[in-house]
Amino acid sequence: MSEFRAQSKTPGERLRRTGCMAAIVAAALLADPVGPAVAVERARPADSRQTQLQRDADAVRDAGVIGVQAQVVTPGGRYAARSGTAVIGRDVPVPRNGYFRIGSNTKTFVATVALQLEAEGRLSLDDTVEDWLPGLVKGNGNDGRKITIRNLLQHTSGLYDWPHDIETQMQTPQGFHKYQFARFTPRQSVARSIAHAPLFRPGSKWSYSNVNYMIVGMIIDKATGHSWRDEVKRRIIAPLGLRHTLLPGDSPSLPRPHAEGYTIDPTTSRPFRSTVVSLGWAGPAGEIISTADDLGRFWRGLLGGELLTHRQLKKMKTTVSTGVAGWDYGLGIMRMRLSCGAVWSHPGGTPGFVTGNAVTPGGRTSVILSESTDSQSAETAAPRQNLIDHAVCGPETGRS
C-alpha cells in the first residue's frame, strides 16, 4: 500500500507500504553486517550500463537494504543486478527474477481496469460513490454523494486512511504478529475510515488514502458483476502474458523463488522476518505479487498504449500536485522528474518489501527495483533515486 504524505521532505520518504503504504522510505542500517554482497550478473568490462547498475544496486545494499534486485529494459538491451543476501546472516544469493510483493503498484492495475470500463461506457469518472454504493460513505461529515470515482483514483477524496494505521502498527514485531493473518472486508475498512471526519472537501486537496482504492475495487465488482481480481486477470494479466503475477487474496505465502522479506523495527532498529503475511484485506490497494520481468512488462505495456486508448491514457496522466517537489499524481500513476525529464512511476511497499520503478513516456524503457527490507529510514532514498535516474537517463534508453 502506500503513504505519500505532504509532510515528507523527499519522495522516497513519502511513499510506503502494503500495496498502499507506498513509502519508499526504506531500510535502517543494521548494527551488524547483513551478510556478504552477492555480486551476480557481473558486467563485462566494456558494458558500462551493466557496471553502473551493479554499482547502484550495491549502493542500495550499503545503505541498509538486506536484499536487492534490479532490472532495466531498454531498446538497446536488458540488464539485471542483484546485491546483498536473500536470508539475513547467510550467504544466499538473491534469486534472479524472484517473486516479491509489489505493494501500491497494485493501484495502477486497478486504475487501468477502471479506465477501461469508462471507455466501454460502463461507468464514468464523474459518477459518485453514492451512485454505485448507496449509503457506503455517510456520516461524520463524509458524503459519498460528493466523492467521484476520479477523486478516489487521484486521492482527492479527503477520506481518512484507516488502513495506514494498521500498516504503522505492523512495523513492530508485536503489531506484525497481531495483524499478520488479519481479515478485513472492504466495507469494514471503509466503515473504520469514515468513523473519522474527512480531511478536506472532496476535490479541494490531495492526500494519499488506501481506502480510496478499496472503494474503487467495490465499484468494479458492481459494474462488471465479477470481482476486481478477475477483471485484472482478464484485462491485464492474460493479454500481457504476465505468467508470474498473482492475486493471492488472503493466502499469506510467497511463491518460490524469493528473497525473505524483513521489516526494521523502528523502536530497536533491528530486523524481523515479515515474508509470510496475509494482505487480502489491502486488496486493490496493494495485494499483488509479481516479478521484475512481469512488472516491467506491465509498465511498458501500459505506457506503450497496449492497455488503454490514447484518450484514457491521457486522463490517467492528468495530474494534480502532491505537495512534494518533483512528484505529481494522476489516476493510479505518478509523474516523477529525473535529471533527463519526466517519467511515470508508482512506488510501493508492504511488510518486508519496497518497490521502486520508472518507465519512460512511450514505454520503451523501464526500471524495476525490489528491496527486501521495509523500514522508516530515509538512508536508502538517495541511492534508490540514483539507481532509477542512472537506469532511465543513461545512453540508449529510448526516452519516448
Protein backbone atom coordinates (compact mmCIF):
# COMPACT_ATOMS: atom_id res chain seq x y z
CA MET A 1 0.00 0.00 0.00
CA SER A 2 1.40 3.36 0.24
CA GLU A 3 1.67 6.54 2.04
CA PHE A 4 2.66 9.74 0.29
CA ARG A 5 2.23 12.31 2.99
CA ALA A 6 2.66 16.00 2.32
CA GLN A 7 4.94 16.43 5.31
CA SER A 8 7.85 14.35 3.98
CA LYS A 9 10.93 16.05 2.61
CA THR A 10 11.63 13.67 -0.26
CA PRO A 11 9.50 11.42 -2.44
CA GLY A 12 11.32 8.39 -1.07
CA GLU A 13 10.42 9.39 2.45
CA ARG A 14 6.81 9.76 1.50
CA LEU A 15 5.55 6.62 -0.05
CA ARG A 16 5.06 3.35 1.61
CA ARG A 17 3.56 0.08 2.30
CA THR A 18 1.27 -2.81 1.80
CA GLY A 19 0.32 -2.10 -1.59
CA CYS A 20 -0.79 1.04 -0.12
CA MET A 21 1.99 2.23 2.00
CA ALA A 22 3.97 3.29 -0.87
CA ALA A 23 6.58 4.66 1.26
CA ILE A 24 9.68 4.04 -0.45
CA VAL A 25 11.45 5.12 2.66
CA ALA A 26 13.28 2.11 3.40
CA ALA A 27 15.97 0.46 5.37
CA ALA A 28 17.67 1.19 8.65
CA LEU A 29 21.36 0.43 8.78
CA LEU A 30 21.92 -2.68 10.82
CA ALA A 31 24.41 -2.76 13.66
CA ASP A 32 25.96 -5.91 12.21
CA PRO A 33 26.53 -6.71 8.54
CA VAL A 34 23.55 -8.28 6.83
CA GLY A 35 25.70 -10.75 5.02
CA PRO A 36 28.23 -10.67 2.20
CA ALA A 37 27.38 -8.89 -1.01
CA VAL A 38 26.32 -11.19 -3.79
CA ALA A 39 27.63 -9.57 -6.95
CA VAL A 40 25.95 -11.61 -9.62
CA GLU A 41 25.06 -10.54 -13.13
CA ARG A 42 28.64 -9.21 -13.30
CA ALA A 43 29.37 -6.77 -16.04
CA ARG A 44 31.70 -7.24 -18.95
CA PRO A 45 34.46 -4.61 -18.84
CA ALA A 46 33.01 -2.76 -21.81
CA ASP A 47 29.44 -2.87 -20.55
CA SER A 48 29.18 0.44 -18.72
CA ARG A 49 25.41 0.21 -18.25
CA GLN A 50 25.68 -3.15 -16.52
CA THR A 51 28.57 -1.93 -14.41
CA GLN A 52 26.63 1.15 -13.34
CA LEU A 53 23.53 -0.87 -12.45
CA GLN A 54 25.55 -3.26 -10.28
CA ARG A 55 27.32 -0.35 -8.61
CA ASP A 56 23.96 1.31 -7.87
CA ALA A 57 22.44 -1.93 -6.54
CA ASP A 58 25.44 -2.31 -4.23
CA ALA A 59 24.93 1.27 -3.02
CA VAL A 60 21.32 0.48 -2.10
CA ARG A 61 22.58 -2.56 -0.19
CA ASP A 62 25.23 -0.48 1.54
CA ALA A 63 22.52 1.94 2.72
CA GLY A 64 21.00 -0.86 4.78
CA VAL A 65 18.85 -2.98 2.44
CA ILE A 66 19.23 -6.70 3.08
CA GLY A 67 18.46 -7.94 -0.45
CA VAL A 68 18.28 -6.04 -3.74
CA GLN A 69 17.26 -6.97 -7.26
CA ALA A 70 17.04 -4.54 -10.17
CA GLN A 71 16.13 -4.94 -13.82
CA VAL A 72 16.35 -2.43 -16.65
CA VAL A 73 14.89 -2.94 -20.11
CA THR A 74 15.83 -0.50 -22.89
CA PRO A 75 15.68 -0.57 -26.69
CA GLY A 76 19.37 -1.45 -26.53
CA GLY A 77 19.10 -4.43 -24.21
CA ARG A 78 18.15 -5.92 -20.87
CA TYR A 79 20.26 -5.55 -17.73
CA ALA A 80 19.94 -7.04 -14.25
CA ALA A 81 21.78 -6.82 -10.96
CA ARG A 82 21.46 -8.38 -7.51
CA SER A 83 23.12 -7.48 -4.25
CA GLY A 84 23.00 -8.42 -0.59
CA THR A 85 21.55 -11.69 0.60
CA ALA A 86 18.21 -13.48 0.40
CA VAL A 87 18.42 -14.64 4.04
CA ILE A 88 19.87 -12.42 6.71
CA GLY A 89 23.10 -13.68 8.22
CA ARG A 90 23.71 -16.18 5.40
CA ASP A 91 25.46 -16.05 2.05
CA VAL A 92 22.36 -16.84 -0.04
CA PRO A 93 22.13 -15.05 -3.40
CA VAL A 94 19.01 -13.00 -4.07
CA PRO A 95 17.11 -15.05 -6.69
CA ARG A 96 17.16 -13.95 -10.30
CA ASN A 97 13.72 -12.54 -11.11
CA GLY A 98 12.38 -13.69 -7.76
CA TYR A 99 8.84 -13.02 -6.56
CA PHE A 100 8.06 -10.02 -4.35
CA ARG A 101 5.04 -8.08 -3.12
CA ILE A 102 4.57 -5.03 -5.36
CA GLY A 103 2.53 -3.00 -2.87
CA SER A 104 0.89 0.10 -4.28
CA ASN A 105 1.78 -0.81 -7.86
CA THR A 106 -1.48 -2.74 -7.47
CA LYS A 107 -3.30 0.60 -7.63
CA THR A 108 -2.05 1.17 -11.17
CA PHE A 109 -3.53 -2.17 -12.28
CA VAL A 110 -6.87 -1.25 -10.70
CA ALA A 111 -6.91 2.26 -12.16
CA THR A 112 -6.25 0.74 -15.59
CA VAL A 113 -9.32 -1.51 -15.25
CA ALA A 114 -11.47 1.44 -14.14
CA LEU A 115 -10.40 3.47 -17.18
CA GLN A 116 -11.10 0.53 -19.49
CA LEU A 117 -14.60 0.33 -18.04
CA GLU A 118 -15.09 4.03 -18.65
CA ALA A 119 -14.00 3.61 -22.28
CA GLU A 120 -16.66 0.90 -22.59
CA GLY A 121 -19.34 3.22 -21.19
CA ARG A 122 -19.86 1.06 -18.10
CA LEU A 123 -19.02 3.83 -15.67
CA SER A 124 -17.96 7.48 -15.68
CA LEU A 125 -15.17 9.09 -13.72
CA ASP A 126 -17.76 11.66 -12.68
CA ASP A 127 -20.01 9.02 -11.10
CA THR A 128 -20.17 9.32 -7.34
CA VAL A 129 -19.63 6.70 -4.69
CA GLU A 130 -23.30 7.08 -3.80
CA ASP A 131 -24.31 6.30 -7.41
CA TRP A 132 -22.67 2.87 -7.17
CA LEU A 133 -22.62 2.04 -3.47
CA PRO A 134 -25.56 3.79 -1.80
CA GLY A 135 -25.05 4.56 1.87
CA LEU A 136 -21.46 3.26 1.99
CA VAL A 137 -19.82 6.61 2.69
CA LYS A 138 -22.01 8.57 5.03
CA GLY A 139 -21.55 10.16 8.45
CA ASN A 140 -19.08 12.27 10.44
CA GLY A 141 -19.02 14.78 7.61
CA ASN A 142 -18.23 12.17 4.95
CA ASP A 143 -20.61 12.25 1.99
CA GLY A 144 -20.42 9.73 -0.85
CA ARG A 145 -22.64 11.97 -2.96
CA LYS A 146 -19.75 14.41 -3.29
CA ILE A 147 -16.91 11.94 -3.94
CA THR A 148 -16.40 10.88 -7.55
CA ILE A 149 -14.51 7.92 -8.98
CA ARG A 150 -11.95 10.42 -10.23
CA ASN A 151 -11.48 11.67 -6.65
CA LEU A 152 -10.89 8.10 -5.49
CA LEU A 153 -8.39 7.28 -8.23
CA GLN A 154 -6.50 10.54 -7.72
CA HIS A 155 -6.57 10.62 -3.90
CA THR A 156 -8.55 13.84 -3.74
CA SER A 157 -11.49 12.31 -1.83
CA GLY A 158 -10.46 13.60 1.57
CA LEU A 159 -11.21 10.21 3.17
CA TYR A 160 -9.20 9.26 6.23
CA ASP A 161 -6.68 6.45 5.60
CA TRP A 162 -7.53 3.93 8.32
CA PRO A 163 -5.56 1.10 6.61
CA HIS A 164 -2.43 3.16 7.14
CA ASP A 165 -2.99 2.95 10.90
CA ILE A 166 -2.75 -0.85 10.64
CA GLU A 167 0.33 -0.64 8.46
CA THR A 168 2.04 1.57 11.01
CA GLN A 169 1.33 -0.90 13.80
CA MET A 170 2.77 -3.72 11.68
CA GLN A 171 6.22 -2.14 11.75
CA THR A 172 6.96 -3.69 15.15
CA PRO A 173 7.12 -7.45 15.79
CA GLN A 174 4.18 -7.24 18.18
CA GLY A 175 1.99 -5.34 15.75
CA PHE A 176 3.05 -7.53 12.82
CA HIS A 177 2.08 -10.73 14.61
CA LYS A 178 -1.22 -9.16 15.70
CA TYR A 179 -2.21 -8.41 12.11
CA GLN A 180 -0.12 -10.99 10.20
CA PHE A 181 -3.19 -13.02 9.24
CA ALA A 182 -5.78 -10.25 9.56
CA ARG A 183 -9.07 -10.42 7.70
CA PHE A 184 -10.98 -7.22 7.00
CA THR A 185 -13.67 -6.81 4.36
CA PRO A 186 -13.61 -3.67 2.22
CA ARG A 187 -16.80 -2.49 3.93
CA GLN A 188 -15.16 -2.86 7.34
CA SER A 189 -12.17 -0.81 6.19
CA VAL A 190 -14.44 1.90 4.80
CA ALA A 191 -16.54 1.97 7.98
CA ARG A 192 -13.45 2.46 10.13
CA SER A 193 -12.18 5.19 7.82
CA ILE A 194 -15.42 7.18 7.85
CA ALA A 195 -15.56 6.92 11.63
CA HIS A 196 -13.11 9.82 11.25
CA ALA A 197 -14.03 13.22 9.85
CA PRO A 198 -12.84 13.89 6.28
CA LEU A 199 -9.50 15.62 5.88
CA PHE A 200 -10.89 18.17 3.43
CA ARG A 201 -13.70 18.86 0.97
CA PRO A 202 -13.57 16.36 -1.97
CA GLY A 203 -11.54 17.70 -4.86
CA SER A 204 -10.03 20.59 -2.93
CA LYS A 205 -6.72 18.99 -1.89
CA TRP A 206 -4.63 15.82 -2.24
CA SER A 207 -3.91 13.18 0.41
CA TYR A 208 -2.95 9.55 -0.13
CA SER A 209 -5.58 7.14 1.21
CA ASN A 210 -5.59 3.40 0.63
CA VAL A 211 -9.30 3.18 1.32
CA ASN A 212 -9.93 5.06 -1.94
CA TYR A 213 -8.84 2.03 -3.94
CA MET A 214 -10.76 -0.38 -1.75
CA ILE A 215 -13.87 1.55 -2.79
CA VAL A 216 -12.81 1.51 -6.45
CA GLY A 217 -12.50 -2.29 -6.23
CA MET A 218 -16.06 -2.49 -4.89
CA ILE A 219 -17.29 -0.30 -7.77
CA ILE A 220 -15.54 -2.55 -10.31
CA ASP A 221 -17.26 -5.56 -8.71
CA LYS A 222 -20.64 -3.82 -9.05
CA ALA A 223 -20.08 -2.53 -12.60
CA THR A 224 -18.92 -5.86 -14.04
CA GLY A 225 -20.62 -8.48 -11.91
CA HIS A 226 -17.17 -10.01 -11.36
CA SER A 227 -14.53 -9.45 -8.72
CA TRP A 228 -11.89 -6.81 -9.35
CA ARG A 229 -9.33 -9.63 -9.18
CA ASP A 230 -10.99 -11.47 -12.07
CA GLU A 231 -11.12 -8.26 -14.10
CA VAL A 232 -7.40 -7.60 -13.53
CA LYS A 233 -6.60 -11.15 -14.61
CA ARG A 234 -8.80 -10.99 -17.72
CA ARG A 235 -7.97 -7.46 -18.83
CA ILE A 236 -4.28 -7.12 -17.94
CA ILE A 237 -2.54 -10.28 -16.79
CA ALA A 238 -3.77 -12.56 -19.58
CA PRO A 239 -3.33 -10.12 -22.52
CA LEU A 240 0.19 -9.16 -21.47
CA GLY A 241 1.18 -12.74 -20.65
CA LEU A 242 2.14 -11.98 -17.06
CA ARG A 243 2.62 -15.60 -16.02
CA HIS A 244 4.24 -14.72 -12.70
CA THR A 245 1.79 -12.07 -11.49
CA LEU A 246 -0.57 -13.27 -8.79
CA LEU A 247 -3.55 -12.00 -6.82
CA PRO A 248 -3.26 -14.16 -3.70
CA GLY A 249 -6.25 -12.89 -1.74
CA ASP A 250 -5.84 -13.96 1.88
CA SER A 251 -3.11 -16.51 1.16
CA PRO A 252 -0.05 -15.44 3.18
CA SER A 253 2.62 -17.36 1.28
CA LEU A 254 5.06 -16.01 -1.29
CA PRO A 255 5.93 -18.31 -4.23
CA ARG A 256 9.48 -19.50 -4.68
CA PRO A 257 12.00 -18.37 -5.57
CA HIS A 258 12.01 -15.28 -3.40
CA ALA A 259 14.20 -13.37 -1.01
CA GLU A 260 12.98 -13.30 2.57
CA GLY A 261 11.34 -10.01 3.45
CA TYR A 262 12.33 -8.09 6.57
CA THR A 263 10.91 -5.15 8.49
CA ILE A 264 13.12 -2.90 10.58
CA ASP A 265 11.57 -2.30 13.99
CA PRO A 266 11.77 1.50 14.46
CA THR A 267 11.96 1.10 18.24
CA THR A 268 15.07 -1.11 18.17
CA SER A 269 16.49 -0.69 14.63
CA ARG A 270 16.59 -4.48 14.41
CA PRO A 271 15.10 -6.52 11.55
CA PHE A 272 12.44 -9.18 11.89
CA ARG A 273 11.21 -11.53 9.19
CA SER A 274 7.91 -10.46 7.63
CA THR A 275 7.73 -12.60 4.47
CA VAL A 276 4.60 -14.54 5.42
CA VAL A 277 1.67 -12.15 5.71
CA SER A 278 -1.92 -12.01 4.51
CA LEU A 279 -2.69 -8.82 2.61
CA GLY A 280 -6.06 -9.76 1.15
CA TRP A 281 -7.56 -7.02 3.29
CA ALA A 282 -5.47 -4.49 1.34
CA GLY A 283 -6.90 -5.92 -1.89
CA PRO A 284 -6.96 -3.36 -4.72
CA ALA A 285 -4.75 -1.03 -2.69
CA GLY A 286 -1.77 -3.37 -2.53
CA GLU A 287 -2.25 -7.13 -2.80
CA ILE A 288 -0.44 -8.19 -5.98
CA ILE A 289 2.70 -10.38 -6.09
CA SER A 290 4.90 -10.24 -9.18
CA THR A 291 8.45 -10.38 -10.56
CA ALA A 292 10.72 -7.79 -12.13
CA ASP A 293 10.11 -9.30 -15.59
CA ASP A 294 6.33 -9.14 -15.26
CA LEU A 295 6.11 -5.77 -13.55
CA GLY A 296 8.38 -4.16 -16.12
CA ARG A 297 6.29 -5.71 -18.90
CA PHE A 298 3.13 -4.24 -17.33
CA TRP A 299 4.56 -0.73 -17.11
CA ARG A 300 5.95 -0.78 -20.66
CA GLY A 301 2.66 -2.14 -21.97
CA LEU A 302 0.63 0.47 -20.12
CA LEU A 303 2.67 3.48 -21.25
CA GLY A 304 3.11 1.94 -24.69
CA GLY A 305 -0.64 2.05 -25.31
CA GLU A 306 -1.39 -1.68 -25.14
CA LEU A 307 -3.99 -1.43 -22.36
CA LEU A 308 -5.66 1.96 -22.73
CA THR A 309 -6.77 4.12 -25.63
CA HIS A 310 -4.93 7.37 -26.19
CA ARG A 311 -7.85 9.24 -24.63
CA GLN A 312 -7.92 7.10 -21.50
CA LEU A 313 -4.15 7.18 -21.11
CA LYS A 314 -4.29 10.98 -21.34
CA LYS A 315 -6.82 11.00 -18.49
CA MET A 316 -4.62 8.69 -16.43
CA LYS A 317 -1.67 11.05 -16.96
CA THR A 318 -3.56 14.22 -16.00
CA THR A 319 -2.01 15.07 -12.65
CA VAL A 320 -2.54 17.15 -9.53
CA SER A 321 0.17 18.36 -7.18
CA THR A 322 1.07 16.13 -4.25
CA GLY A 323 2.84 18.94 -2.45
CA VAL A 324 6.17 17.16 -2.98
CA ALA A 325 8.60 18.76 -5.40
CA GLY A 326 9.10 16.56 -8.45
CA TRP A 327 6.08 14.30 -7.85
CA ASP A 328 2.54 14.72 -9.23
CA TYR A 329 -0.33 12.23 -9.10
CA GLY A 330 -2.59 11.16 -11.96
CA LEU A 331 -5.09 8.29 -11.85
CA GLY A 332 -3.14 5.49 -10.17
CA ILE A 333 0.11 6.73 -11.64
CA MET A 334 2.73 9.27 -10.63
CA ARG A 335 4.82 11.66 -12.69
CA MET A 336 8.37 11.75 -11.37
CA ARG A 337 11.03 14.18 -12.51
CA LEU A 338 14.51 12.82 -13.16
CA SER A 339 17.66 14.52 -14.40
CA CYS A 340 16.63 13.87 -18.01
CA GLY A 341 12.94 14.79 -17.67
CA ALA A 342 9.64 13.34 -16.52
CA VAL A 343 8.90 9.61 -16.26
CA TRP A 344 6.00 7.62 -14.83
CA SER A 345 6.01 5.53 -11.68
CA HIS A 346 4.16 4.27 -8.63
CA PRO A 347 6.34 3.24 -5.70
CA GLY A 348 5.01 0.65 -3.31
CA GLY A 349 5.72 -1.11 -0.07
CA THR A 350 4.46 -3.91 2.15
CA PRO A 351 5.81 -5.62 5.25
CA GLY A 352 9.14 -6.95 4.03
CA PHE A 353 9.35 -5.30 0.61
CA VAL A 354 9.74 -1.91 -1.06
CA THR A 355 9.31 -1.46 -4.81
CA GLY A 356 10.73 1.37 -6.91
CA ASN A 357 10.15 1.81 -10.62
CA ALA A 358 10.07 4.17 -13.57
CA VAL A 359 9.04 3.96 -17.21
CA THR A 360 9.64 6.45 -19.99
CA PRO A 361 6.62 8.27 -21.52
CA GLY A 362 6.31 5.97 -24.52
CA GLY A 363 7.03 2.78 -22.61
CA ARG A 364 10.32 1.92 -24.29
CA THR A 365 12.47 1.84 -21.16
CA SER A 366 11.61 0.56 -17.69
CA VAL A 367 13.44 0.01 -14.43
CA ILE A 368 12.15 -2.15 -11.59
CA LEU A 369 13.85 -2.22 -8.19
CA SER A 370 12.81 -4.59 -5.40
CA GLU A 371 14.23 -4.26 -1.90
CA SER A 372 13.57 -7.00 0.64
CA THR A 373 13.68 -4.58 3.56
CA ASP A 374 10.87 -2.37 4.85
CA SER A 375 11.82 0.41 7.25
CA GLN A 376 11.23 4.05 8.08
CA SER A 377 14.82 5.09 7.46
CA ALA A 378 15.49 7.72 4.82
CA GLU A 379 19.02 6.37 4.24
CA THR A 380 18.04 4.45 1.11
CA ALA A 381 16.16 7.28 -0.60
CA ALA A 382 19.18 8.78 -2.36
CA PRO A 383 20.79 5.53 -3.62
CA ARG A 384 17.39 4.30 -4.79
CA GLN A 385 16.76 7.51 -6.72
CA ASN A 386 20.27 7.38 -8.17
CA LEU A 387 19.72 3.84 -9.45
CA ILE A 388 16.46 4.82 -11.13
CA ASP A 389 17.92 8.02 -12.61
CA HIS A 390 21.01 6.29 -13.99
CA ALA A 391 18.93 3.48 -15.44
CA VAL A 392 16.49 5.77 -17.25
CA CYS A 393 18.75 8.67 -18.14
CA GLY A 394 21.71 6.66 -19.40
CA PRO A 395 22.58 6.14 -23.07
CA GLU A 396 20.27 4.23 -25.41
CA THR A 397 17.32 4.28 -23.01
CA GLY A 398 14.73 5.45 -25.51
CA ARG A 399 13.17 8.48 -23.89
CA SER A 400 9.93 8.10 -25.83
